[in-house]
């Protein structure tokens, strides 16, 4: 199985819903995609070609000021970088870039559950 990591975690819209690529497999030419339908998380398979087309078509998708929110939420402490979340302070991370990546994953995870 050869994964296409560059597609994993990417978002696109289909049928008025936000979808996220969970993983992509070059061997089977399929991606597992997640979305919420009727208040339930659904995971289904989609061809890599369709996923790639949809991601390309929505390349300018921006989620609720994500870039601004990430920068303003980072906190530097003597033992590393952190960000606050409902679950408590998350970290420490070795750099602001690493903290920002984890914060982005956290925000996308929360938004995909809404």
PDB file of N, CA and C in Angstrom:
ATOM      1  N   UNK A   1       0.841  -1.171   0.000  1.00  0.00           N
ATOM      2  CA  UNK A   1       0.000   0.000   0.000  1.00  0.00           C
ATOM      3  C   UNK A   1       0.891   1.240   0.000  1.00  0.00           C
ATOM      4  N   UNK A   2       0.736   2.104  -0.967  1.00  0.00           N
ATOM      5  CA  UNK A   2       1.514   3.339  -1.051  1.00  0.00           C
ATOM      6  C   UNK A   2       0.600   4.512  -0.763  1.00  0.00           C
ATOM      7  N   UNK A   3       0.830   5.140   0.379  1.00  0.00           N
ATOM      8  CA  UNK A   3       0.002   6.260   0.820  1.00  0.00           C
ATOM      9  C   UNK A   3       0.379   7.539   0.081  1.00  0.00           C
ATOM     10  N   UNK A   4      -0.595   8.373  -0.141  1.00  0.00           N
ATOM     11  CA  UNK A   4      -0.385   9.694  -0.726  1.00  0.00           C
ATOM     12  C   UNK A   4      -0.609  10.719   0.374  1.00  0.00           C
ATOM     13  N   UNK A   5       0.369  10.857   1.262  1.00  0.00           N
ATOM     14  CA  UNK A   5       0.251  11.715   2.428  1.00  0.00           C
ATOM     15  C   UNK A   5      -0.128  13.142   2.121  1.00  0.00           C
ATOM     16  N   UNK A   6       0.217  13.645   0.940  1.00  0.00           N
ATOM     17  CA  UNK A   6      -0.086  15.045   0.627  1.00  0.00           C
ATOM     18  C   UNK A   6      -1.590  15.288   0.513  1.00  0.00           C
ATOM     19  N   UNK A   7      -2.383  14.242   0.328  1.00  0.00           N
ATOM     20  CA  UNK A   7      -3.837  14.400   0.259  1.00  0.00           C
ATOM     21  C   UNK A   7      -4.490  14.259   1.630  1.00  0.00           C
ATOM     22  N   UNK A   8      -3.828  13.566   2.547  1.00  0.00           N
ATOM     23  CA  UNK A   8      -4.419  13.292   3.850  1.00  0.00           C
ATOM     24  C   UNK A   8      -4.601  14.575   4.639  1.00  0.00           C
ATOM     25  N   UNK A   9      -5.774  14.711   5.246  1.00  0.00           N
ATOM     26  CA  UNK A   9      -6.085  15.900   6.022  1.00  0.00           C
ATOM     27  C   UNK A   9      -6.604  17.069   5.199  1.00  0.00           C
ATOM     28  N   UNK A  10      -6.614  16.936   3.873  1.00  0.00           N
ATOM     29  CA  UNK A  10      -7.096  18.015   2.999  1.00  0.00           C
ATOM     30  C   UNK A  10      -8.622  18.045   3.024  1.00  0.00           C
ATOM     31  N   UNK A  11      -9.161  19.225   2.820  1.00  0.00           N
ATOM     32  CA  UNK A  11     -10.600  19.443   2.862  1.00  0.00           C
ATOM     33  C   UNK A  11     -11.146  19.834   1.500  1.00  0.00           C
ATOM     34  N   UNK A  12     -12.404  19.456   1.262  1.00  0.00           N
ATOM     35  CA  UNK A  12     -13.115  19.914   0.074  1.00  0.00           C
ATOM     36  C   UNK A  12     -14.608  19.876   0.373  1.00  0.00           C
ATOM     37  N   UNK A  13     -15.368  20.610  -0.429  1.00  0.00           N
ATOM     38  CA  UNK A  13     -16.817  20.639  -0.269  1.00  0.00           C
ATOM     39  C   UNK A  13     -17.457  19.780  -1.347  1.00  0.00           C
ATOM     40  N   UNK A  14     -18.481  19.050  -0.944  1.00  0.00           N
ATOM     41  CA  UNK A  14     -19.267  18.236  -1.878  1.00  0.00           C
ATOM     42  C   UNK A  14     -20.690  18.184  -1.337  1.00  0.00           C
ATOM     43  N   UNK A  15     -21.656  18.445  -2.192  1.00  0.00           N
ATOM     44  CA  UNK A  15     -23.064  18.419  -1.805  1.00  0.00           C
ATOM     45  C   UNK A  15     -23.350  19.306  -0.600  1.00  0.00           C
ATOM     46  N   UNK A  16     -22.641  20.446  -0.508  1.00  0.00           N
ATOM     47  CA  UNK A  16     -22.867  21.383   0.569  1.00  0.00           C
ATOM     48  C   UNK A  16     -22.294  20.961   1.914  1.00  0.00           C
ATOM     49  N   UNK A  17     -21.460  19.920   1.911  1.00  0.00           N
ATOM     50  CA  UNK A  17     -20.859  19.444   3.155  1.00  0.00           C
ATOM     51  C   UNK A  17     -19.344  19.500   3.055  1.00  0.00           C
ATOM     52  N   UNK A  18     -18.708  19.747   4.185  1.00  0.00           N
ATOM     53  CA  UNK A  18     -17.259  19.731   4.255  1.00  0.00           C
ATOM     54  C   UNK A  18     -16.784  18.289   4.403  1.00  0.00           C
ATOM     55  N   UNK A  19     -15.821  17.892   3.570  1.00  0.00           N
ATOM     56  CA  UNK A  19     -15.250  16.540   3.590  1.00  0.00           C
ATOM     57  C   UNK A  19     -13.759  16.626   3.889  1.00  0.00           C
ATOM     58  N   UNK A  20     -13.241  15.624   4.583  1.00  0.00           N
ATOM     59  CA  UNK A  20     -11.811  15.567   4.877  1.00  0.00           C
ATOM     60  C   UNK A  20     -11.272  14.213   4.430  1.00  0.00           C
ATOM     61  N   UNK A  21     -10.109  14.245   3.773  1.00  0.00           N
ATOM     62  CA  UNK A  21      -9.464  13.014   3.324  1.00  0.00           C
ATOM     63  C   UNK A  21      -8.765  12.385   4.528  1.00  0.00           C
ATOM     64  N   UNK A  22      -9.192  11.182   4.895  1.00  0.00           N
ATOM     65  CA  UNK A  22      -8.614  10.470   6.029  1.00  0.00           C
ATOM     66  C   UNK A  22      -7.303   9.815   5.609  1.00  0.00           C
ATOM     67  N   UNK A  23      -7.337   9.089   4.504  1.00  0.00           N
ATOM     68  CA  UNK A  23      -6.111   8.536   3.934  1.00  0.00           C
ATOM     69  C   UNK A  23      -6.326   8.248   2.457  1.00  0.00           C
ATOM     70  N   UNK A  24      -5.223   8.098   1.743  1.00  0.00           N
ATOM     71  CA  UNK A  24      -5.275   7.878   0.295  1.00  0.00           C
ATOM     72  C   UNK A  24      -4.299   6.767  -0.059  1.00  0.00           C
ATOM     73  N   UNK A  25      -4.751   5.834  -0.888  1.00  0.00           N
ATOM     74  CA  UNK A  25      -3.943   4.672  -1.241  1.00  0.00           C
ATOM     75  C   UNK A  25      -3.747   4.606  -2.756  1.00  0.00           C
ATOM     76  N   UNK A  26      -2.505   4.779  -3.185  1.00  0.00           N
ATOM     77  CA  UNK A  26      -2.185   4.760  -4.610  1.00  0.00           C
ATOM     78  C   UNK A  26      -2.448   3.385  -5.229  1.00  0.00           C
ATOM     79  N   UNK A  27      -2.193   2.311  -4.477  1.00  0.00           N
ATOM     80  CA  UNK A  27      -2.356   0.964  -5.015  1.00  0.00           C
ATOM     81  C   UNK A  27      -3.797   0.686  -5.425  1.00  0.00           C
ATOM     82  N   UNK A  28      -4.743   1.046  -4.560  1.00  0.00           N
ATOM     83  CA  UNK A  28      -6.158   0.800  -4.871  1.00  0.00           C
ATOM     84  C   UNK A  28      -6.794   1.957  -5.630  1.00  0.00           C
ATOM     85  N   UNK A  29      -6.087   3.106  -5.725  1.00  0.00           N
ATOM     86  CA  UNK A  29      -6.590   4.313  -6.369  1.00  0.00           C
ATOM     87  C   UNK A  29      -7.829   4.855  -5.656  1.00  0.00           C
ATOM     88  N   UNK A  30      -7.862   4.648  -4.315  1.00  0.00           N
ATOM     89  CA  UNK A  30      -8.999   5.101  -3.524  1.00  0.00           C
ATOM     90  C   UNK A  30      -8.538   5.925  -2.326  1.00  0.00           C
ATOM     91  N   UNK A  31      -9.420   6.811  -1.903  1.00  0.00           N
ATOM     92  CA  UNK A  31      -9.194   7.576  -0.681  1.00  0.00           C
ATOM     93  C   UNK A  31     -10.368   7.312   0.250  1.00  0.00           C
ATOM     94  N   UNK A  32     -10.082   7.269   1.542  1.00  0.00           N
ATOM     95  CA  UNK A  32     -11.154   7.215   2.533  1.00  0.00           C
ATOM     96  C   UNK A  32     -11.430   8.661   2.930  1.00  0.00           C
ATOM     97  N   UNK A  33     -12.703   9.034   2.874  1.00  0.00           N
ATOM     98  CA  UNK A  33     -13.132  10.410   3.087  1.00  0.00           C
ATOM     99  C   UNK A  33     -14.161  10.436   4.213  1.00  0.00           C
ATOM    100  N   UNK A  34     -14.067  11.470   5.056  1.00  0.00           N
ATOM    101  CA  UNK A  34     -14.962  11.603   6.193  1.00  0.00           C
ATOM    102  C   UNK A  34     -15.816  12.852   6.056  1.00  0.00           C
ATOM    103  N   UNK A  35     -17.087  12.746   6.448  1.00  0.00           N
ATOM    104  CA  UNK A  35     -17.965  13.913   6.539  1.00  0.00           C
ATOM    105  C   UNK A  35     -19.097  13.592   7.510  1.00  0.00           C
ATOM    106  N   UNK A  36     -19.840  14.626   7.887  1.00  0.00           N
ATOM    107  CA  UNK A  36     -20.993  14.431   8.769  1.00  0.00           C
ATOM    108  C   UNK A  36     -22.271  14.504   7.941  1.00  0.00           C
ATOM    109  N   UNK A  37     -23.105  13.472   8.119  1.00  0.00           N
ATOM    110  CA  UNK A  37     -24.397  13.410   7.451  1.00  0.00           C
ATOM    111  C   UNK A  37     -25.423  13.040   8.507  1.00  0.00           C
ATOM    112  N   UNK A  38     -26.467  13.838   8.626  1.00  0.00           N
ATOM    113  CA  UNK A  38     -27.512  13.593   9.626  1.00  0.00           C
ATOM    114  C   UNK A  38     -26.932  13.417  11.023  1.00  0.00           C
ATOM    115  N   UNK A  39     -26.020  14.335  11.398  1.00  0.00           N
ATOM    116  CA  UNK A  39     -25.424  14.364  12.732  1.00  0.00           C
ATOM    117  C   UNK A  39     -24.535  13.155  13.052  1.00  0.00           C
ATOM    118  N   UNK A  40     -24.159  12.380  12.035  1.00  0.00           N
ATOM    119  CA  UNK A  40     -23.274  11.242  12.251  1.00  0.00           C
ATOM    120  C   UNK A  40     -22.077  11.335  11.324  1.00  0.00           C
ATOM    121  N   UNK A  41     -20.913  10.956  11.859  1.00  0.00           N
ATOM    122  CA  UNK A  41     -19.701  10.935  11.037  1.00  0.00           C
ATOM    123  C   UNK A  41     -19.758   9.705  10.132  1.00  0.00           C
ATOM    124  N   UNK A  42     -19.533   9.935   8.862  1.00  0.00           N
ATOM    125  CA  UNK A  42     -19.529   8.861   7.869  1.00  0.00           C
ATOM    126  C   UNK A  42     -18.161   8.822   7.208  1.00  0.00           C
ATOM    127  N   UNK A  43     -17.663   7.637   6.958  1.00  0.00           N
ATOM    128  CA  UNK A  43     -16.416   7.460   6.219  1.00  0.00           C
ATOM    129  C   UNK A  43     -16.726   6.564   5.032  1.00  0.00           C
ATOM    130  N   UNK A  44     -16.320   7.014   3.857  1.00  0.00           N
ATOM    131  CA  UNK A  44     -16.589   6.254   2.643  1.00  0.00           C
ATOM    132  C   UNK A  44     -15.406   6.378   1.703  1.00  0.00           C
ATOM    133  N   UNK A  45     -15.387   5.562   0.653  1.00  0.00           N
ATOM    134  CA  UNK A  45     -14.297   5.582  -0.323  1.00  0.00           C
ATOM    135  C   UNK A  45     -14.679   6.412  -1.536  1.00  0.00           C
ATOM    136  N   UNK A  46     -13.662   7.053  -2.104  1.00  0.00           N
ATOM    137  CA  UNK A  46     -13.835   7.879  -3.290  1.00  0.00           C
ATOM    138  C   UNK A  46     -12.578   7.707  -4.135  1.00  0.00           C
ATOM    139  N   UNK A  47     -12.699   7.779  -5.434  1.00  0.00           N
ATOM    140  CA  UNK A  47     -11.522   7.634  -6.295  1.00  0.00           C
ATOM    141  C   UNK A  47     -10.556   8.792  -6.074  1.00  0.00           C
ATOM    142  N   UNK A  48      -9.261   8.504  -6.202  1.00  0.00           N
ATOM    143  CA  UNK A  48      -8.251   9.545  -6.032  1.00  0.00           C
ATOM    144  C   UNK A  48      -8.431  10.661  -7.052  1.00  0.00           C
ATOM    145  N   UNK A  49      -8.851  10.300  -8.256  1.00  0.00           N
ATOM    146  CA  UNK A  49      -9.075  11.311  -9.284  1.00  0.00           C
ATOM    147  C   UNK A  49     -10.143  12.308  -8.873  1.00  0.00           C
ATOM    148  N   UNK A  50     -11.256  11.803  -8.333  1.00  0.00           N
ATOM    149  CA  UNK A  50     -12.327  12.700  -7.909  1.00  0.00           C
ATOM    150  C   UNK A  50     -11.881  13.552  -6.722  1.00  0.00           C
ATOM    151  N   UNK A  51     -11.174  12.944  -5.762  1.00  0.00           N
ATOM    152  CA  UNK A  51     -10.680  13.688  -4.603  1.00  0.00           C
ATOM    153  C   UNK A  51      -9.752  14.806  -5.060  1.00  0.00           C
ATOM    154  N   UNK A  52      -8.814  14.487  -5.941  1.00  0.00           N
ATOM    155  CA  UNK A  52      -7.856  15.473  -6.430  1.00  0.00           C
ATOM    156  C   UNK A  52      -8.565  16.613  -7.157  1.00  0.00           C
ATOM    157  N   UNK A  53      -9.549  16.294  -7.984  1.00  0.00           N
ATOM    158  CA  UNK A  53     -10.317  17.326  -8.698  1.00  0.00           C
ATOM    159  C   UNK A  53     -11.047  18.242  -7.718  1.00  0.00           C
ATOM    160  N   UNK A  54     -11.666  17.654  -6.711  1.00  0.00           N
ATOM    161  CA  UNK A  54     -12.429  18.455  -5.752  1.00  0.00           C
ATOM    162  C   UNK A  54     -11.525  19.336  -4.901  1.00  0.00           C
ATOM    163  N   UNK A  55     -10.369  18.808  -4.482  1.00  0.00           N
ATOM    164  CA  UNK A  55      -9.422  19.612  -3.706  1.00  0.00           C
ATOM    165  C   UNK A  55      -8.912  20.765  -4.561  1.00  0.00           C
ATOM    166  N   UNK A  56      -8.570  20.479  -5.815  1.00  0.00           N
ATOM    167  CA  UNK A  56      -8.072  21.531  -6.712  1.00  0.00           C
ATOM    168  C   UNK A  56      -9.123  22.601  -6.956  1.00  0.00           C
ATOM    169  N   UNK A  57     -10.374  22.190  -7.105  1.00  0.00           N
ATOM    170  CA  UNK A  57     -11.448  23.145  -7.365  1.00  0.00           C
ATOM    171  C   UNK A  57     -11.689  24.056  -6.170  1.00  0.00           C
ATOM    172  N   UNK A  58     -11.394  23.567  -4.960  1.00  0.00           N
ATOM    173  CA  UNK A  58     -11.630  24.365  -3.758  1.00  0.00           C
ATOM    174  C   UNK A  58     -10.342  24.804  -3.100  1.00  0.00           C
ATOM    175  N   UNK A  59      -9.313  25.040  -3.894  1.00  0.00           N
ATOM    176  CA  UNK A  59      -7.990  25.369  -3.351  1.00  0.00           C
ATOM    177  C   UNK A  59      -8.001  26.635  -2.500  1.00  0.00           C
ATOM    178  N   UNK A  60      -8.998  27.493  -2.679  1.00  0.00           N
ATOM    179  CA  UNK A  60      -9.041  28.734  -1.918  1.00  0.00           C
ATOM    180  C   UNK A  60      -9.959  28.651  -0.703  1.00  0.00           C
ATOM    181  N   UNK A  61     -10.354  27.425  -0.306  1.00  0.00           N
ATOM    182  CA  UNK A  61     -11.216  27.260   0.862  1.00  0.00           C
ATOM    183  C   UNK A  61     -10.475  27.739   2.110  1.00  0.00           C
ATOM    184  N   UNK A  62     -11.121  28.602   2.879  1.00  0.00           N
ATOM    185  CA  UNK A  62     -10.553  29.094   4.137  1.00  0.00           C
ATOM    186  C   UNK A  62     -11.562  28.849   5.242  1.00  0.00           C
ATOM    187  N   UNK A  63     -11.093  28.379   6.376  1.00  0.00           N
ATOM    188  CA  UNK A  63     -11.980  28.060   7.476  1.00  0.00           C
ATOM    189  C   UNK A  63     -11.919  29.135   8.559  1.00  0.00           C
ATOM    190  N   UNK A  64     -12.966  29.919   8.690  1.00  0.00           N
ATOM    191  CA  UNK A  64     -13.178  30.806   9.823  1.00  0.00           C
ATOM    192  C   UNK A  64     -11.932  31.523  10.332  1.00  0.00           C
ATOM    193  N   UNK A  65     -11.153  32.140   9.490  1.00  0.00           N
ATOM    194  CA  UNK A  65      -9.995  32.892   9.949  1.00  0.00           C
ATOM    195  C   UNK A  65      -8.957  32.037  10.639  1.00  0.00           C
ATOM    196  N   UNK A  66      -8.769  30.835  10.150  1.00  0.00           N
ATOM    197  CA  UNK A  66      -7.875  29.870  10.790  1.00  0.00           C
ATOM    198  C   UNK A  66      -6.468  30.418  10.974  1.00  0.00           C
ATOM    199  N   UNK A  67      -5.914  31.087   9.997  1.00  0.00           N
ATOM    200  CA  UNK A  67      -4.535  31.581  10.099  1.00  0.00           C
ATOM    201  C   UNK A  67      -4.403  32.599  11.227  1.00  0.00           C
ATOM    202  N   UNK A  68      -5.341  33.529  11.326  1.00  0.00           N
ATOM    203  CA  UNK A  68      -5.275  34.536  12.376  1.00  0.00           C
ATOM    204  C   UNK A  68      -5.462  33.909  13.749  1.00  0.00           C
ATOM    205  N   UNK A  69      -6.385  32.975  13.854  1.00  0.00           N
ATOM    206  CA  UNK A  69      -6.661  32.329  15.136  1.00  0.00           C
ATOM    207  C   UNK A  69      -5.456  31.533  15.625  1.00  0.00           C
ATOM    208  N   UNK A  70      -4.779  30.858  14.727  1.00  0.00           N
ATOM    209  CA  UNK A  70      -3.619  30.059  15.136  1.00  0.00           C
ATOM    210  C   UNK A  70      -2.552  30.937  15.765  1.00  0.00           C
ATOM    211  N   UNK A  71      -2.194  32.011  15.088  1.00  0.00           N
ATOM    212  CA  UNK A  71      -1.114  32.880  15.576  1.00  0.00           C
ATOM    213  C   UNK A  71      -1.456  33.491  16.936  1.00  0.00           C
ATOM    214  N   UNK A  72      -2.695  33.930  17.121  1.00  0.00           N
ATOM    215  CA  UNK A  72      -3.051  34.623  18.354  1.00  0.00           C
ATOM    216  C   UNK A  72      -3.195  33.672  19.541  1.00  0.00           C
ATOM    217  N   UNK A  73      -3.358  32.387  19.305  1.00  0.00           N
ATOM    218  CA  UNK A  73      -3.565  31.453  20.401  1.00  0.00           C
ATOM    219  C   UNK A  73      -2.281  30.806  20.910  1.00  0.00           C
ATOM    220  N   UNK A  74      -1.172  30.977  20.231  1.00  0.00           N
ATOM    221  CA  UNK A  74       0.082  30.353  20.668  1.00  0.00           C
ATOM    222  C   UNK A  74       0.639  31.077  21.882  1.00  0.00           C
ATOM    223  N   UNK A  75       1.127  30.300  22.840  1.00  0.00           N
ATOM    224  CA  UNK A  75       1.678  30.842  24.080  1.00  0.00           C
ATOM    225  C   UNK A  75       3.062  30.245  24.291  1.00  0.00           C
ATOM    226  N   UNK A  76       4.036  31.116  24.558  1.00  0.00           N
ATOM    227  CA  UNK A  76       5.383  30.630  24.847  1.00  0.00           C
ATOM    228  C   UNK A  76       5.615  30.641  26.353  1.00  0.00           C
ATOM    229  N   UNK A  77       6.085  29.515  26.856  1.00  0.00           N
ATOM    230  CA  UNK A  77       6.430  29.374  28.269  1.00  0.00           C
ATOM    231  C   UNK A  77       7.862  28.866  28.338  1.00  0.00           C
ATOM    232  N   UNK A  78       8.482  28.868  29.519  1.00  0.00           N
ATOM    233  CA  UNK A  78       9.874  28.425  29.629  1.00  0.00           C
ATOM    234  C   UNK A  78      10.121  26.996  29.122  1.00  0.00           C
ATOM    235  N   UNK A  79       9.107  26.131  29.223  1.00  0.00           N
ATOM    236  CA  UNK A  79       9.296  24.743  28.800  1.00  0.00           C
ATOM    237  C   UNK A  79       8.783  24.436  27.400  1.00  0.00           C
ATOM    238  N   UNK A  80       8.399  25.447  26.616  1.00  0.00           N
ATOM    239  CA  UNK A  80       7.988  25.218  25.231  1.00  0.00           C
ATOM    240  C   UNK A  80       6.794  26.054  24.826  1.00  0.00           C
ATOM    241  N   UNK A  81       6.233  25.691  23.682  1.00  0.00           N
ATOM    242  CA  UNK A  81       5.084  26.385  23.101  1.00  0.00           C
ATOM    243  C   UNK A  81       3.811  25.613  23.405  1.00  0.00           C
ATOM    244  N   UNK A  82       2.704  26.335  23.642  1.00  0.00           N
ATOM    245  CA  UNK A  82       1.420  25.747  24.004  1.00  0.00           C
ATOM    246  C   UNK A  82       0.308  26.473  23.271  1.00  0.00           C
ATOM    247  N   UNK A  83      -0.886  25.845  23.308  1.00  0.00           N
ATOM    248  CA  UNK A  83      -2.090  26.557  22.900  1.00  0.00           C
ATOM    249  C   UNK A  83      -3.238  26.101  23.798  1.00  0.00           C
ATOM    250  N   UNK A  84      -4.130  27.030  24.165  1.00  0.00           N
ATOM    251  CA  UNK A  84      -5.267  26.667  25.003  1.00  0.00           C
ATOM    252  C   UNK A  84      -6.355  26.000  24.170  1.00  0.00           C
ATOM    253  N   UNK A  85      -7.025  25.035  24.766  1.00  0.00           N
ATOM    254  CA  UNK A  85      -8.156  24.348  24.145  1.00  0.00           C
ATOM    255  C   UNK A  85      -9.172  24.060  25.250  1.00  0.00           C
ATOM    256  N   UNK A  86     -10.379  23.706  24.886  1.00  0.00           N
ATOM    257  CA  UNK A  86     -11.401  23.388  25.893  1.00  0.00           C
ATOM    258  C   UNK A  86     -10.926  22.269  26.819  1.00  0.00           C
ATOM    259  N   UNK A  87     -10.111  21.384  26.282  1.00  0.00           N
ATOM    260  CA  UNK A  87      -9.618  20.247  27.058  1.00  0.00           C
ATOM    261  C   UNK A  87      -8.460  20.639  27.982  1.00  0.00           C
ATOM    262  N   UNK A  88      -8.011  21.874  27.907  1.00  0.00           N
ATOM    263  CA  UNK A  88      -6.889  22.352  28.702  1.00  0.00           C
ATOM    264  C   UNK A  88      -5.731  22.768  27.814  1.00  0.00           C
ATOM    265  N   UNK A  89      -4.657  23.202  28.437  1.00  0.00           N
ATOM    266  CA  UNK A  89      -3.488  23.659  27.707  1.00  0.00           C
ATOM    267  C   UNK A  89      -2.825  22.494  26.981  1.00  0.00           C
ATOM    268  N   UNK A  90      -2.579  22.651  25.682  1.00  0.00           N
ATOM    269  CA  UNK A  90      -1.979  21.595  24.863  1.00  0.00           C
ATOM    270  C   UNK A  90      -0.510  21.913  24.615  1.00  0.00           C
ATOM    271  N   UNK A  91       0.363  20.938  24.810  1.00  0.00           N
ATOM    272  CA  UNK A  91       1.796  21.124  24.612  1.00  0.00           C
ATOM    273  C   UNK A  91       2.558  20.394  25.687  1.00  0.00           C
ATOM    274  N   UNK A  92       3.802  20.609  25.842  1.00  0.00           N
ATOM    275  CA  UNK A  92       4.622  21.595  25.137  1.00  0.00           C
ATOM    276  C   UNK A  92       5.067  21.102  23.764  1.00  0.00           C
ATOM    277  N   UNK A  93       5.313  22.069  22.884  1.00  0.00           N
ATOM    278  CA  UNK A  93       5.854  21.816  21.559  1.00  0.00           C
ATOM    279  C   UNK A  93       7.195  22.522  21.457  1.00  0.00           C
ATOM    280  N   UNK A  94       8.097  21.972  20.647  1.00  0.00           N
ATOM    281  CA  UNK A  94       9.465  22.490  20.551  1.00  0.00           C
ATOM    282  C   UNK A  94       9.577  23.840  19.857  1.00  0.00           C
ATOM    283  N   UNK A  95       8.623  24.169  19.001  1.00  0.00           N
ATOM    284  CA  UNK A  95       8.697  25.420  18.247  1.00  0.00           C
ATOM    285  C   UNK A  95       7.291  25.966  18.023  1.00  0.00           C
ATOM    286  N   UNK A  96       7.215  27.239  17.658  1.00  0.00           N
ATOM    287  CA  UNK A  96       5.914  27.826  17.355  1.00  0.00           C
ATOM    288  C   UNK A  96       5.307  27.168  16.126  1.00  0.00           C
ATOM    289  N   UNK A  97       6.155  26.766  15.173  1.00  0.00           N
ATOM    290  CA  UNK A  97       5.654  26.101  13.962  1.00  0.00           C
ATOM    291  C   UNK A  97       5.007  24.756  14.302  1.00  0.00           C
ATOM    292  N   UNK A  98       5.644  23.997  15.193  1.00  0.00           N
ATOM    293  CA  UNK A  98       5.085  22.705  15.598  1.00  0.00           C
ATOM    294  C   UNK A  98       3.767  22.917  16.352  1.00  0.00           C
ATOM    295  N   UNK A  99       3.738  23.894  17.250  1.00  0.00           N
ATOM    296  CA  UNK A  99       2.507  24.202  17.988  1.00  0.00           C
ATOM    297  C   UNK A  99       1.402  24.625  17.032  1.00  0.00           C
ATOM    298  N   UNK A 100       1.750  25.424  16.032  1.00  0.00           N
ATOM    299  CA  UNK A 100       0.775  25.887  15.044  1.00  0.00           C
ATOM    300  C   UNK A 100       0.191  24.708  14.254  1.00  0.00           C
ATOM    301  N   UNK A 101       1.041  23.760  13.868  1.00  0.00           N
ATOM    302  CA  UNK A 101       0.559  22.572  13.134  1.00  0.00           C
ATOM    303  C   UNK A 101      -0.423  21.773  13.993  1.00  0.00           C
ATOM    304  N   UNK A 102      -0.080  21.577  15.266  1.00  0.00           N
ATOM    305  CA  UNK A 102      -0.965  20.827  16.158  1.00  0.00           C
ATOM    306  C   UNK A 102      -2.266  21.583  16.420  1.00  0.00           C
ATOM    307  N   UNK A 103      -2.181  22.900  16.545  1.00  0.00           N
ATOM    308  CA  UNK A 103      -3.378  23.707  16.733  1.00  0.00           C
ATOM    309  C   UNK A 103      -4.288  23.601  15.512  1.00  0.00           C
ATOM    310  N   UNK A 104      -3.709  23.663  14.326  1.00  0.00           N
ATOM    311  CA  UNK A 104      -4.510  23.533  13.099  1.00  0.00           C
ATOM    312  C   UNK A 104      -5.223  22.183  13.064  1.00  0.00           C
ATOM    313  N   UNK A 105      -4.522  21.113  13.383  1.00  0.00           N
ATOM    314  CA  UNK A 105      -5.140  19.784  13.421  1.00  0.00           C
ATOM    315  C   UNK A 105      -6.266  19.747  14.446  1.00  0.00           C
ATOM    316  N   UNK A 106      -6.028  20.377  15.587  1.00  0.00           N
ATOM    317  CA  UNK A 106      -7.047  20.411  16.637  1.00  0.00           C
ATOM    318  C   UNK A 106      -8.298  21.157  16.149  1.00  0.00           C
ATOM    319  N   UNK A 107      -8.121  22.342  15.559  1.00  0.00           N
ATOM    320  CA  UNK A 107      -9.244  23.137  15.079  1.00  0.00           C
ATOM    321  C   UNK A 107     -10.010  22.382  13.994  1.00  0.00           C
ATOM    322  N   UNK A 108      -9.317  21.794  13.055  1.00  0.00           N
ATOM    323  CA  UNK A 108      -9.990  21.046  11.988  1.00  0.00           C
ATOM    324  C   UNK A 108     -10.744  19.856  12.558  1.00  0.00           C
ATOM    325  N   UNK A 109     -10.170  19.184  13.544  1.00  0.00           N
ATOM    326  CA  UNK A 109     -10.847  18.062  14.180  1.00  0.00           C
ATOM    327  C   UNK A 109     -12.124  18.488  14.862  1.00  0.00           C
ATOM    328  N   UNK A 110     -12.081  19.621  15.570  1.00  0.00           N
ATOM    329  CA  UNK A 110     -13.271  20.137  16.238  1.00  0.00           C
ATOM    330  C   UNK A 110     -14.307  20.562  15.210  1.00  0.00           C
ATOM    331  N   UNK A 111     -13.897  21.262  14.155  1.00  0.00           N
ATOM    332  CA  UNK A 111     -14.852  21.703  13.141  1.00  0.00           C
ATOM    333  C   UNK A 111     -15.486  20.526  12.408  1.00  0.00           C
ATOM    334  N   UNK A 112     -14.755  19.442  12.240  1.00  0.00           N
ATOM    335  CA  UNK A 112     -15.330  18.296  11.525  1.00  0.00           C
ATOM    336  C   UNK A 112     -16.353  17.557  12.384  1.00  0.00           C
ATOM    337  N   UNK A 113     -16.345  17.798  13.701  1.00  0.00           N
ATOM    338  CA  UNK A 113     -17.326  17.162  14.588  1.00  0.00           C
ATOM    339  C   UNK A 113     -18.580  18.006  14.751  1.00  0.00           C
ATOM    340  N   UNK A 114     -18.551  19.232  14.283  1.00  0.00           N
ATOM    341  CA  UNK A 114     -19.703  20.137  14.468  1.00  0.00           C
ATOM    342  C   UNK A 114     -20.826  19.738  13.551  1.00  0.00           C
TER     343      UNK A 114
END
